[in-house]
Protein backbone atom coordinates (compact mmCIF):
# COMPACT_ATOMS: atom_id res chain seq x y z
CA UNK A 1 0.00 0.02 0.01
CA UNK A 2 1.09 3.65 -0.50
CA UNK A 3 1.71 4.29 3.17
CA UNK A 4 4.04 1.34 3.71
CA UNK A 5 7.54 1.98 5.00
CA UNK A 6 10.03 0.84 2.36
CA UNK A 7 13.31 -0.84 3.48
CA UNK A 8 16.55 -1.16 1.50
CA UNK A 9 18.50 -4.21 2.74
CA UNK A 10 22.26 -4.00 2.20
CA UNK A 11 24.30 -7.16 3.02
CA UNK A 12 26.82 -9.22 0.99
CA UNK A 13 25.22 -12.43 2.39
CA UNK A 14 22.37 -13.77 0.27
CA UNK A 15 21.21 -15.67 3.34
CA UNK A 16 20.97 -12.44 5.37
CA UNK A 17 19.34 -10.56 2.60
CA UNK A 18 16.67 -13.17 2.35
CA UNK A 19 16.30 -13.52 6.07
CA UNK A 20 15.76 -9.82 6.66
CA UNK A 21 13.60 -9.65 3.55
CA UNK A 22 11.25 -12.24 4.92
CA UNK A 23 11.01 -10.45 8.22
CA UNK A 24 10.05 -7.25 6.47
CA UNK A 25 7.65 -8.86 4.09
CA UNK A 26 5.94 -10.72 7.03
CA UNK A 27 5.21 -7.34 8.67
CA UNK A 28 2.19 -5.35 7.33
CA UNK A 29 3.14 -1.73 6.97
CA UNK A 30 6.65 -2.57 5.79
CA UNK A 31 7.82 -3.52 2.27
CA UNK A 32 11.17 -4.20 0.61
CA UNK A 33 12.29 -1.34 -1.56
CA UNK A 34 15.17 -3.40 -2.92
CA UNK A 35 18.30 -5.36 -1.79
CA UNK A 36 22.00 -4.64 -2.45
CA UNK A 37 25.10 -6.70 -1.82
CA UNK A 38 27.39 -3.76 -0.90
CA UNK A 39 27.42 -0.06 -0.30
CA UNK A 40 28.27 0.85 -3.91
CA UNK A 41 25.17 -0.88 -5.19
CA UNK A 42 23.10 0.64 -2.49
CA UNK A 43 24.17 4.23 -3.42
CA UNK A 44 23.23 3.43 -7.09
CA UNK A 45 19.76 2.16 -6.08
CA UNK A 46 18.77 4.86 -3.52
CA UNK A 47 17.76 7.51 -6.11
CA UNK A 48 15.57 4.99 -7.93
CA UNK A 49 13.89 3.10 -5.08
CA UNK A 50 13.80 6.03 -2.57
CA UNK A 51 13.67 3.93 0.66
CA UNK A 52 12.48 5.24 3.96
CA UNK A 53 15.04 3.31 6.04
CA UNK A 54 18.22 1.31 5.26
CA UNK A 55 19.29 -1.96 6.98
CA UNK A 56 23.08 -1.99 6.54
CA UNK A 57 25.75 -4.65 7.08
CA UNK A 58 29.19 -3.33 8.01
CA UNK A 59 31.53 -5.95 6.55
CA UNK A 60 31.10 -6.03 2.78
CA UNK A 61 33.41 -6.08 -0.29
CA UNK A 62 34.08 -3.11 -2.60
CA UNK A 63 32.30 -0.59 -0.31
CA UNK A 64 31.76 -1.59 3.29
CA UNK A 65 29.30 -0.05 5.80
CA UNK A 66 31.59 2.61 7.14
CA UNK A 67 32.56 3.70 3.66
CA UNK A 68 28.95 3.82 2.69
CA UNK A 69 28.09 5.99 5.69
CA UNK A 70 30.94 8.42 4.84
CA UNK A 71 29.65 8.70 1.29
CA UNK A 72 26.03 9.02 2.55
CA UNK A 73 27.10 11.95 4.76
CA UNK A 74 29.06 13.59 1.90
CA UNK A 75 26.07 13.32 -0.42
CA UNK A 76 23.67 14.71 2.18
CA UNK A 77 21.46 11.55 2.21
CA UNK A 78 19.18 11.73 5.28
CA UNK A 79 17.59 8.31 5.06
CA UNK A 80 17.97 6.64 8.48
CA UNK A 81 20.31 3.69 8.78
CA UNK A 82 20.01 0.65 11.13
CA UNK A 83 23.27 -1.33 11.39
CA UNK A 84 23.60 -5.10 11.36
CA UNK A 85 26.57 -5.64 13.73
CA UNK A 86 28.70 -8.64 14.52
CA UNK A 87 29.13 -9.73 18.13
CA UNK A 88 32.97 -9.48 18.33
CA UNK A 89 34.75 -6.77 20.25
CA UNK A 90 36.03 -5.28 17.01
CA UNK A 91 32.42 -5.25 15.83
CA UNK A 92 31.53 -3.03 18.81
CA UNK A 93 34.23 -0.48 17.91
CA UNK A 94 33.13 -0.32 14.29
CA UNK A 95 29.45 -0.11 15.28
CA UNK A 96 30.18 2.97 17.39
CA UNK A 97 32.13 4.44 14.57
CA UNK A 98 29.04 3.93 12.37
CA UNK A 99 26.78 5.64 14.94
CA UNK A 100 29.25 8.57 15.04
CA UNK A 101 28.98 8.73 11.21
CA UNK A 102 25.19 9.12 11.45
CA UNK A 103 23.76 5.66 11.71
CA UNK A 104 20.63 5.75 13.92
CA UNK A 105 20.79 2.41 15.74
CA UNK A 106 22.05 -1.17 15.50
CA UNK A 107 21.14 -4.82 16.16
CA UNK A 108 23.37 -7.84 16.49
CA UNK A 109 23.44 -10.34 13.65
CA UNK A 110 22.23 -13.81 14.57
CA UNK A 111 25.09 -15.90 16.03
CA UNK A 112 25.35 -19.69 15.87
CA UNK A 113 22.06 -21.19 14.75
CA UNK A 114 20.09 -18.57 12.91
CA UNK A 115 16.83 -20.33 13.63
CA UNK A 116 17.68 -20.13 17.35
CA UNK A 117 18.20 -16.35 17.31
CA UNK A 118 15.67 -15.34 14.73
CA UNK A 119 12.93 -14.36 17.14
CA UNK A 120 15.14 -11.93 19.04
CA UNK A 121 16.44 -10.37 15.79
CA UNK A 122 12.97 -9.92 14.44
CA UNK A 123 11.47 -8.56 17.66
CA UNK A 124 14.17 -5.92 17.85
CA UNK A 125 14.65 -5.12 14.22
CA UNK A 126 11.06 -4.66 13.01
CA UNK A 127 10.19 -1.99 15.62
CA UNK A 128 13.40 -0.07 14.73
CA UNK A 129 12.46 -0.14 11.06
CA UNK A 130 8.94 1.03 11.85
CA UNK A 131 10.21 3.73 14.22
CA UNK A 132 12.95 5.20 12.12
CA UNK A 133 11.22 4.69 8.77
CA UNK A 134 7.99 6.15 10.03
CA UNK A 135 9.68 9.14 11.54
CA UNK A 136 11.47 9.75 8.22
CA UNK A 137 8.22 9.57 6.28
CA UNK A 138 6.50 12.06 8.62
CA UNK A 139 9.32 14.55 8.49
CA UNK A 140 9.20 14.40 4.66
CA UNK A 141 5.45 14.98 4.48
CA UNK A 142 4.50 11.36 3.91
CA UNK A 143 1.92 9.38 5.79
CA UNK A 144 3.20 6.51 7.93
CA UNK A 145 1.28 3.45 9.04
CA UNK A 146 0.31 3.40 12.71
CA UNK A 147 2.10 0.69 14.78
CA UNK A 148 -1.29 -1.03 15.21
CA UNK A 149 -1.20 -1.60 11.43
CA UNK A 150 2.27 -3.17 11.41
CA UNK A 151 2.01 -6.40 13.36
CA UNK A 152 3.90 -9.26 11.71
CA UNK A 153 1.87 -12.09 10.22
CA UNK A 154 2.40 -15.48 11.60
CA UNK A 155 4.42 -17.72 9.26
CA UNK A 156 6.18 -21.01 9.20
CA UNK A 157 9.37 -19.29 10.45
CA UNK A 158 7.57 -17.57 13.37
CA UNK A 159 6.84 -19.04 16.73
CA UNK A 160 3.50 -20.80 17.36
CA UNK A 161 2.41 -17.87 19.52
CA UNK A 162 0.11 -15.48 17.58
CA UNK A 163 1.87 -12.29 16.62
CA UNK A 164 -1.10 -10.12 15.54
CA UNK A 165 -0.66 -7.64 18.29
CA UNK A 166 3.18 -7.80 18.46
CA UNK A 167 4.13 -4.26 17.31
CA UNK A 168 0.91 -2.65 18.60
CA UNK A 169 1.78 -3.81 22.11
CA UNK A 170 5.51 -2.99 21.98
CA UNK A 171 5.13 0.37 20.37
CA UNK A 172 2.14 2.66 21.13
CA UNK A 173 -1.65 1.90 21.07
CA UNK A 174 -3.92 4.03 18.85
CA UNK A 175 -5.89 6.92 20.25
CA UNK A 176 -5.07 9.95 22.43
CA UNK A 177 -2.97 9.74 25.55
CA UNK A 178 -5.01 10.35 28.67
CA UNK A 179 -2.81 10.51 31.81
CA UNK A 180 -4.04 9.20 35.14
CA UNK A 181 -4.15 11.34 38.19
CA UNK A 182 -0.56 11.85 39.46
CA UNK A 183 0.24 9.93 42.67
CA UNK A 184 0.62 11.88 45.91
CA UNK A 185 4.06 12.98 46.78
CA UNK A 186 5.55 12.15 50.22
CA UNK A 187 7.64 15.33 50.36
CA UNK A 188 8.33 18.38 48.24
CA UNK A 189 11.14 18.32 45.66
CA UNK A 190 14.63 19.27 46.95
CA UNK A 191 17.79 20.17 45.15
CA UNK A 192 18.67 17.69 42.35
CA UNK A 193 21.51 15.45 43.39
CA UNK A 194 21.20 12.78 40.67
CA UNK A 195 19.73 12.40 37.18
CA UNK A 196 18.55 8.95 36.06
CA UNK A 197 17.66 8.24 32.46
CA UNK A 198 15.85 5.14 31.04
CA UNK A 199 15.93 4.74 27.26
CA UNK A 200 15.69 1.95 24.65
CA UNK A 201 14.89 1.79 20.92
CA UNK A 202 16.08 5.10 19.40
CA UNK A 203 18.31 5.71 22.32
CA UNK A 204 21.81 5.75 20.79
CA UNK A 205 20.86 8.60 18.52
CA UNK A 206 18.85 10.44 21.14
CA UNK A 207 21.57 10.23 23.81
CA UNK A 208 24.11 11.68 21.34
CA UNK A 209 21.81 14.65 20.91
CA UNK A 210 21.20 15.18 24.68
CA UNK A 211 24.77 14.58 25.87
CA UNK A 212 26.30 16.77 23.27
CA UNK A 213 24.23 19.73 24.53
CA UNK A 214 24.67 19.32 28.33
CA UNK A 215 26.23 22.22 30.16
CA UNK A 216 29.89 21.75 30.98
CA UNK A 217 29.35 23.09 34.52
CA UNK A 218 26.59 20.54 35.35
CA UNK A 219 27.63 19.27 38.80
CA UNK A 220 25.08 16.46 39.14
CA UNK A 221 25.89 12.77 38.35
CA UNK A 222 23.93 11.03 35.65
CA UNK A 223 23.07 7.29 35.58
CA UNK A 224 21.72 5.70 32.34
CA UNK A 225 20.06 2.46 31.42
CA UNK A 226 20.19 2.15 27.64
CA UNK A 227 19.02 -1.27 26.47
CA UNK A 228 22.05 -2.62 24.65
CA UNK A 229 23.72 -6.05 24.31
CA UNK A 230 26.66 -7.05 26.47
CA UNK A 231 29.99 -6.17 24.77
CA UNK A 232 28.74 -2.88 23.33
CA UNK A 233 28.21 -0.60 26.29
CA UNK A 234 31.87 0.15 26.96
CA UNK A 235 32.45 1.36 23.44
CA UNK A 236 29.11 3.23 23.55
CA UNK A 237 30.28 5.07 26.63
CA UNK A 238 33.59 5.99 25.00
CA UNK A 239 31.71 7.36 21.96
CA UNK A 240 29.50 9.55 24.11
CA UNK A 241 32.52 10.73 26.10
CA UNK A 242 33.99 12.16 22.93
CA UNK A 243 30.97 14.45 22.34
CA UNK A 244 29.87 15.18 25.93
CA UNK A 245 31.36 17.90 28.11
CA UNK A 246 31.05 15.65 31.11
CA UNK A 247 33.03 12.45 31.73
CA UNK A 248 31.10 9.38 30.42
CA UNK A 249 32.05 5.82 31.39
CA UNK A 250 30.62 2.36 31.59
CA UNK A 251 29.59 1.73 35.22
CA UNK A 252 31.59 -0.77 37.20
CA UNK A 253 30.90 -2.33 40.60
CA UNK A 254 31.63 0.08 43.39
CA UNK A 255 32.21 3.22 41.28
CA UNK A 256 31.51 6.27 43.39
CA UNK A 257 28.58 8.26 41.94
CA UNK A 258 30.38 11.57 41.65
CA UNK A 259 29.31 14.95 40.27
CA UNK A 260 30.21 15.69 36.62
CA UNK A 261 30.22 12.07 35.61
CA UNK A 262 27.87 9.97 33.50
CA UNK A 263 27.56 6.26 34.22
CA UNK A 264 26.16 3.93 31.47
CA UNK A 265 24.73 0.54 32.60
CA UNK A 266 26.65 -2.51 31.34
CA UNK A 267 24.89 -4.72 28.81
CA UNK A 268 23.18 -7.67 30.57
CA UNK A 269 23.79 -6.16 34.05
CA UNK A 270 21.30 -4.37 36.20
CA UNK A 271 22.58 -0.97 37.48
CA UNK A 272 21.56 0.30 40.88
CA UNK A 273 22.86 3.05 43.14
CA UNK A 274 23.17 2.31 46.83
CA UNK A 275 24.46 3.99 49.93
CA UNK A 276 27.57 2.46 51.54
CA UNK A 277 28.43 4.55 54.60
CA UNK A 278 28.60 8.15 53.54
CA UNK A 279 29.12 7.34 49.86
CA UNK A 280 26.71 6.40 47.13
CA UNK A 281 28.14 3.83 44.71
CA UNK A 282 27.15 1.82 41.62
CA UNK A 283 26.08 -1.76 42.16
CA UNK A 284 25.88 -4.26 39.28
CA UNK A 285 23.62 -7.26 39.47
CA UNK A 286 22.90 -10.52 37.55
CA UNK A 287 19.40 -10.75 39.01
CA UNK A 288 16.62 -11.90 36.56
CA UNK A 289 15.22 -9.56 34.03
CA UNK A 290 12.69 -6.95 35.12
CA UNK A 291 10.15 -5.59 32.75
CA UNK A 292 11.66 -7.82 30.15
CA UNK A 293 15.14 -6.33 30.39
CA UNK A 294 18.60 -6.47 32.04
CA UNK A 295 19.62 -3.78 32.53
CA UNK A 296 16.23 -2.51 33.53
CA UNK A 297 15.28 1.18 33.92
CA UNK A 298 12.71 0.12 36.54
CA UNK A 299 15.57 -1.42 38.69
CA UNK A 300 17.64 1.78 38.29
CA UNK A 301 14.78 4.14 39.10
CA UNK A 302 13.67 2.13 42.15
CA UNK A 303 17.24 2.33 43.55
CA UNK A 304 17.52 6.01 42.81
CA UNK A 305 14.29 6.75 44.62
CA UNK A 306 15.52 4.81 47.64
CA UNK A 307 18.90 6.40 47.81
CA UNK A 308 18.00 9.95 46.88
CA UNK A 309 14.30 10.36 47.74
CA UNK A 310 13.22 13.91 46.82
CA UNK A 311 16.64 14.86 45.33
CA UNK A 312 16.35 12.88 42.12
CA UNK A 313 15.38 13.77 38.52
CA UNK A 314 14.06 10.87 36.51
CA UNK A 315 13.89 10.97 32.75
CA UNK A 316 12.16 8.36 30.48
CA UNK A 317 12.86 8.59 26.78
CA UNK A 318 12.18 6.78 23.52
CA UNK A 319 11.77 2.98 23.67
CA UNK A 320 9.27 0.21 23.04
CA UNK A 321 7.50 -1.55 25.90
CA UNK A 322 7.00 -0.22 29.42
CA UNK A 323 10.38 -0.52 31.24
CA UNK A 324 10.90 2.32 33.67
CA UNK A 325 7.32 3.55 33.52
CA UNK A 326 6.31 2.05 36.88
CA UNK A 327 9.32 2.99 38.99
CA UNK A 328 9.53 6.46 37.49
CA UNK A 329 6.41 6.89 39.59
CA UNK A 330 8.33 5.87 42.71
CA UNK A 331 10.83 8.73 42.06
CA UNK A 332 7.86 11.10 41.76
CA UNK A 333 6.19 9.74 44.93
CA UNK A 334 9.38 10.28 46.94
CA UNK A 335 9.33 13.93 45.86
CA UNK A 336 11.61 13.71 42.82
CA UNK A 337 10.97 15.45 39.43
CA UNK A 338 10.08 13.47 36.33
CA UNK A 339 10.37 14.19 32.63
CA UNK A 340 9.24 12.17 29.63
CA UNK A 341 10.13 12.57 25.97
CA UNK A 342 7.23 13.76 23.89
CA UNK A 343 5.53 11.77 21.14
CA UNK A 344 6.68 13.98 18.22
CA UNK A 345 10.29 13.51 18.82
CA UNK A 346 10.39 9.92 20.11
CA UNK A 347 11.33 7.29 17.55
CA UNK A 348 9.19 4.87 19.52
CA UNK A 349 6.71 6.43 21.95
CA UNK A 350 6.29 3.34 24.06
CA UNK A 351 8.09 3.67 27.40
CA UNK A 352 7.40 7.44 27.78
CA UNK A 353 3.80 6.93 26.77
CA UNK A 354 3.07 4.31 29.38
CA UNK A 355 4.73 6.44 32.03
CA UNK A 356 2.62 9.44 31.02
CA UNK A 357 -0.57 7.40 31.00
CA UNK A 358 0.22 6.24 34.59
CA UNK A 359 0.49 9.88 35.69
CA UNK A 360 4.20 9.51 36.40
CA UNK A 361 5.48 12.18 34.02
CA UNK A 362 5.28 15.70 35.26
CA UNK A 363 6.38 17.30 31.94
CA UNK A 364 6.78 16.10 28.39
CA UNK A 365 9.88 17.55 26.65
CA UNK A 366 11.08 17.31 23.01
CA UNK A 367 14.45 15.74 22.28
CA UNK A 368 15.94 19.09 21.11
CA UNK A 369 14.99 20.75 24.39
CA UNK A 370 15.77 17.79 26.74
CA UNK A 371 19.37 18.75 27.62
CA UNK A 372 18.49 22.37 28.44
CA UNK A 373 15.46 21.28 30.51
CA UNK A 374 17.58 18.69 32.40
CA UNK A 375 20.26 21.33 33.16
CA UNK A 376 17.72 23.90 34.12
CA UNK A 377 16.02 21.65 36.64
CA UNK A 378 19.32 20.30 38.06
CA UNK A 379 20.72 23.85 38.56
CA UNK A 380 17.54 25.25 40.35
CA UNK A 381 17.77 25.65 44.11
CA UNK A 382 14.75 24.49 46.09
């Protein structure tokens, strides 16, 4: 149909091109624009097929993914790119280089048995393509299908569980957002002593925007849960450190939560803050997933509310599902301040929408204004 999000798949592996192609074709609201076996062929095809989003491998002959992104930037091509990344440590470095060159997000390629990993890949990739492709269409005056229209069909390659409501449940339901009554606060907000951010799909790009605009004199620590696989968060922290005026690092067990520093949760580890004597430090945990994730924003927010009470600022941003929405309310109840990214600027208005519906978001803020709003609240004496 005319409103479908068109996807250009770029990979030198015929198996991967067919695999990703089937995922796209099994998802109403998405369609294959074309396929290319390297970056050179992709550049040749873009003017003809005019895709809304590109799914790009990094390791390809003749013109690899990094070379393609450099040429894309030189030519002023704005079509969003989702990277297919390998799991190796070197793959993490190259993936972060790709994000720095303008790629929007990434997923890991299937490892080992493709059939064993296929559900995870599909459940992550399809919402990304819908989110980034839909956002691109809207900013270019085209109509985009609503997430409720983009649920994958069941197929022989899918699990036996019906998938008809898959994307509708992970992204955002149709209809206007009606927030519940805000919960009662135990105490009035005090001076901000910590900033906690929960973010998922669309996060790598969004955090680059926010962190590049933070004030250099912000003297409040920031702790972040970004849903990301293990092995990538250290390189992700390094890439943010290069553009952020504050010091950004991957959180390690026992790290003191100090002013002027940003701590990124490790992939596959819960991040909590806890008081040890007179200090507050980072604590990493292998506890089971919470809200479908490890690290979980709900776990982080709950620990922040306990340790800082009415001296916390909680921020929930783009992402599918509901992680962080419930415990953001705990920060609010303790007397903290809460922000949520608005629908217009969120790649996926899932997590912030649920939090807003629960009455846990005091103020909705656009991505462009998020850094200044965070700094403004953090620097205000109360």
